[in-house]
Amino acid sequence: MTMKEQFRALDSSALPQMAALYKNAFGGEPWNDDWNDTEQLMEYMKEISCSYNALNYGLFLDDKLIAMSVGMIRHWWEGTNYNIEEFCVSPDYQGSGTGSRFMAMIEEDIKKKDIFGIFLQTDNDKPSYRFYQKNGFGELCSHVSFYKKLK
């Protein structure tokens, strides 16, 4: 039996599949994110995927979401960018080239939209760091993220 792979834009109708994939991708090693609060997870998915200028992509295999990129188009003085908030591949397909193939599909689509570049953030101690380097992303050495915990 031949499996059918499909690349397409995601909208709010895909939120349950997006949340399930996200929980599966980040629930295990090395992230160990605890997304057992389903309401919190759904609110997060809505916040990042339904914003102004949202641009979300999915890769489906036989109608099952196996990879997604959730982000938005942002306008900057240097040009318009695709800012990725979350990018993940189902653990069942990690290490198979699926993520790189999916990223190439995204790049091809955003070029058609006259988008200048892709911006994202990741941790430098996770496998995603090497994945993005392998796929042509360069580190912004002068860029720093700050966080202040209030509770």
Protein backbone atom coordinates (compact mmCIF):
# COMPACT_ATOMS: atom_id res chain seq x y z
CA MET A 1 0.00 0.00 0.00
CA THR A 2 1.35 3.42 -1.00
CA MET A 3 1.11 6.19 1.58
CA LYS A 4 0.04 9.61 0.37
CA GLU A 5 2.02 12.61 1.64
CA GLN A 6 0.36 16.02 1.48
CA PHE A 7 1.72 19.49 2.31
CA ARG A 8 -0.88 22.14 3.05
CA ALA A 9 -1.75 25.24 5.03
CA LEU A 10 -3.38 24.70 8.41
CA ASP A 11 -6.33 26.64 9.77
CA SER A 12 -8.34 26.49 13.00
CA SER A 13 -10.14 23.33 11.88
CA ALA A 14 -6.84 21.47 12.44
CA LEU A 15 -6.42 22.65 16.06
CA PRO A 16 -7.18 19.25 17.67
CA GLN A 17 -4.65 17.48 15.42
CA MET A 18 -2.12 20.26 15.97
CA ALA A 19 -2.47 20.03 19.76
CA ALA A 20 -2.13 16.23 19.71
CA LEU A 21 1.01 16.36 17.55
CA TYR A 22 2.53 19.12 19.69
CA LYS A 23 1.90 17.22 22.93
CA ASN A 24 3.36 14.05 21.42
CA ALA A 25 6.43 15.79 19.98
CA PHE A 26 7.35 17.75 23.10
CA GLY A 27 6.10 15.42 25.83
CA GLY A 28 9.12 13.12 25.71
CA GLU A 29 12.89 13.48 25.72
CA PRO A 30 14.64 15.84 25.57
CA TRP A 31 11.91 18.44 26.28
CA ASN A 32 9.61 16.62 28.73
CA ASP A 33 6.95 19.35 28.50
CA ASP A 34 3.90 18.54 30.62
CA TRP A 35 0.86 19.41 28.50
CA ASN A 36 -1.65 17.33 30.46
CA ASP A 37 -3.82 20.42 30.97
CA THR A 38 -5.77 20.10 27.71
CA GLU A 39 -7.42 23.49 28.07
CA GLN A 40 -4.04 25.20 28.51
CA LEU A 41 -2.68 23.36 25.47
CA MET A 42 -5.65 24.34 23.29
CA GLU A 43 -5.38 27.99 24.37
CA TYR A 44 -1.67 27.97 23.51
CA MET A 45 -2.34 26.45 20.09
CA LYS A 46 -5.03 29.06 19.40
CA GLU A 47 -2.77 31.91 20.49
CA ILE A 48 0.10 30.95 18.22
CA SER A 49 -1.86 29.65 15.23
CA CYS A 50 -4.79 32.06 14.94
CA SER A 51 -3.01 35.38 15.32
CA TYR A 52 -2.98 38.28 12.88
CA ASN A 53 -1.00 37.23 9.77
CA ALA A 54 -0.89 33.60 10.93
CA LEU A 55 0.91 31.24 8.56
CA ASN A 56 0.73 27.58 9.51
CA TYR A 57 1.78 24.52 7.56
CA GLY A 58 1.19 20.82 7.99
CA LEU A 59 2.60 17.68 6.47
CA PHE A 60 0.12 14.83 6.36
CA LEU A 61 0.68 11.16 5.69
CA ASP A 62 -2.56 9.41 4.79
CA ASP A 63 -4.52 12.28 6.39
CA LYS A 64 -2.54 12.08 9.67
CA LEU A 65 -0.67 15.23 10.68
CA ILE A 66 2.99 14.19 11.10
CA ALA A 67 4.73 17.59 11.02
CA MET A 68 3.70 21.19 11.54
CA SER A 69 5.07 24.69 11.49
CA VAL A 70 3.09 27.35 13.32
CA GLY A 71 3.94 30.99 12.89
CA MET A 72 3.15 34.33 11.36
CA ILE A 73 4.22 36.77 8.71
CA ARG A 74 6.08 39.71 10.28
CA HIS A 75 7.10 42.91 8.57
CA TRP A 76 10.51 44.27 9.43
CA TRP A 77 12.66 47.05 8.00
CA GLU A 78 14.91 44.47 6.28
CA GLY A 79 11.96 42.70 4.70
CA THR A 80 9.06 40.42 5.45
CA ASN A 81 9.81 37.27 7.45
CA TYR A 82 8.09 34.07 8.40
CA ASN A 83 8.47 33.85 12.18
CA ILE A 84 8.10 30.27 13.34
CA GLU A 85 6.68 29.95 16.84
CA GLU A 86 6.65 26.14 16.87
CA PHE A 87 8.01 23.54 14.48
CA CYS A 88 7.74 19.83 15.19
CA VAL A 89 7.76 16.40 13.63
CA SER A 90 6.06 13.37 15.12
CA PRO A 91 8.61 11.29 17.06
CA ASP A 92 7.69 8.37 14.76
CA TYR A 93 9.19 10.28 11.80
CA GLN A 94 12.11 12.12 13.41
CA GLY A 95 15.49 11.22 11.97
CA SER A 96 14.00 10.06 8.67
CA GLY A 97 14.48 13.27 6.68
CA THR A 98 10.84 14.25 7.12
CA GLY A 99 11.67 17.49 8.95
CA SER A 100 14.19 18.61 6.32
CA ARG A 101 11.81 17.74 3.49
CA PHE A 102 9.00 19.62 5.26
CA MET A 103 11.23 22.68 5.82
CA ALA A 104 12.15 22.69 2.11
CA MET A 105 8.43 22.67 1.23
CA ILE A 106 7.84 25.63 3.56
CA GLU A 107 10.76 27.55 2.06
CA GLU A 108 9.45 26.95 -1.46
CA ASP A 109 5.99 28.20 -0.50
CA ILE A 110 7.14 31.33 1.31
CA LYS A 111 9.40 32.29 -1.61
CA LYS A 112 6.22 32.48 -3.72
CA LYS A 113 4.84 34.93 -1.13
CA ASP A 114 7.91 37.21 -1.45
CA ILE A 115 8.96 36.51 2.11
CA PHE A 116 12.55 37.56 2.84
CA GLY A 117 13.55 35.00 5.47
CA ILE A 118 12.62 32.71 8.34
CA PHE A 119 13.14 33.61 11.98
CA LEU A 120 12.86 31.16 14.87
CA GLN A 121 14.26 30.42 18.29
CA THR A 122 15.39 27.14 19.81
CA ASP A 123 17.53 25.89 22.67
CA ASN A 124 21.20 25.32 21.88
CA ASP A 125 21.29 22.13 23.94
CA LYS A 126 18.51 20.32 22.04
CA PRO A 127 18.63 18.24 18.82
CA SER A 128 16.61 20.96 17.07
CA TYR A 129 19.67 23.24 17.25
CA ARG A 130 21.66 20.91 14.99
CA PHE A 131 18.62 20.30 12.78
CA TYR A 132 18.29 24.01 11.98
CA GLN A 133 22.02 24.36 11.37
CA LYS A 134 21.93 21.38 9.00
CA ASN A 135 19.05 23.05 7.13
CA GLY A 136 20.97 26.28 6.48
CA PHE A 137 19.95 28.44 9.45
CA GLY A 138 22.62 30.65 10.96
CA GLU A 139 22.80 31.61 14.60
CA LEU A 140 22.20 35.27 15.45
CA CYS A 141 25.06 35.62 17.91
CA SER A 142 24.06 39.11 19.03
CA HIS A 143 20.41 38.11 19.61
CA VAL A 144 19.54 37.41 23.24
CA SER A 145 16.26 36.27 24.76
CA PHE A 146 15.31 37.54 28.21
CA TYR A 147 12.79 36.21 30.69
CA LYS A 148 11.69 37.37 34.12
CA LYS A 149 9.76 35.01 36.37
CA LEU A 150 7.18 36.82 38.47
CA LYS A 151 5.85 33.98 40.62
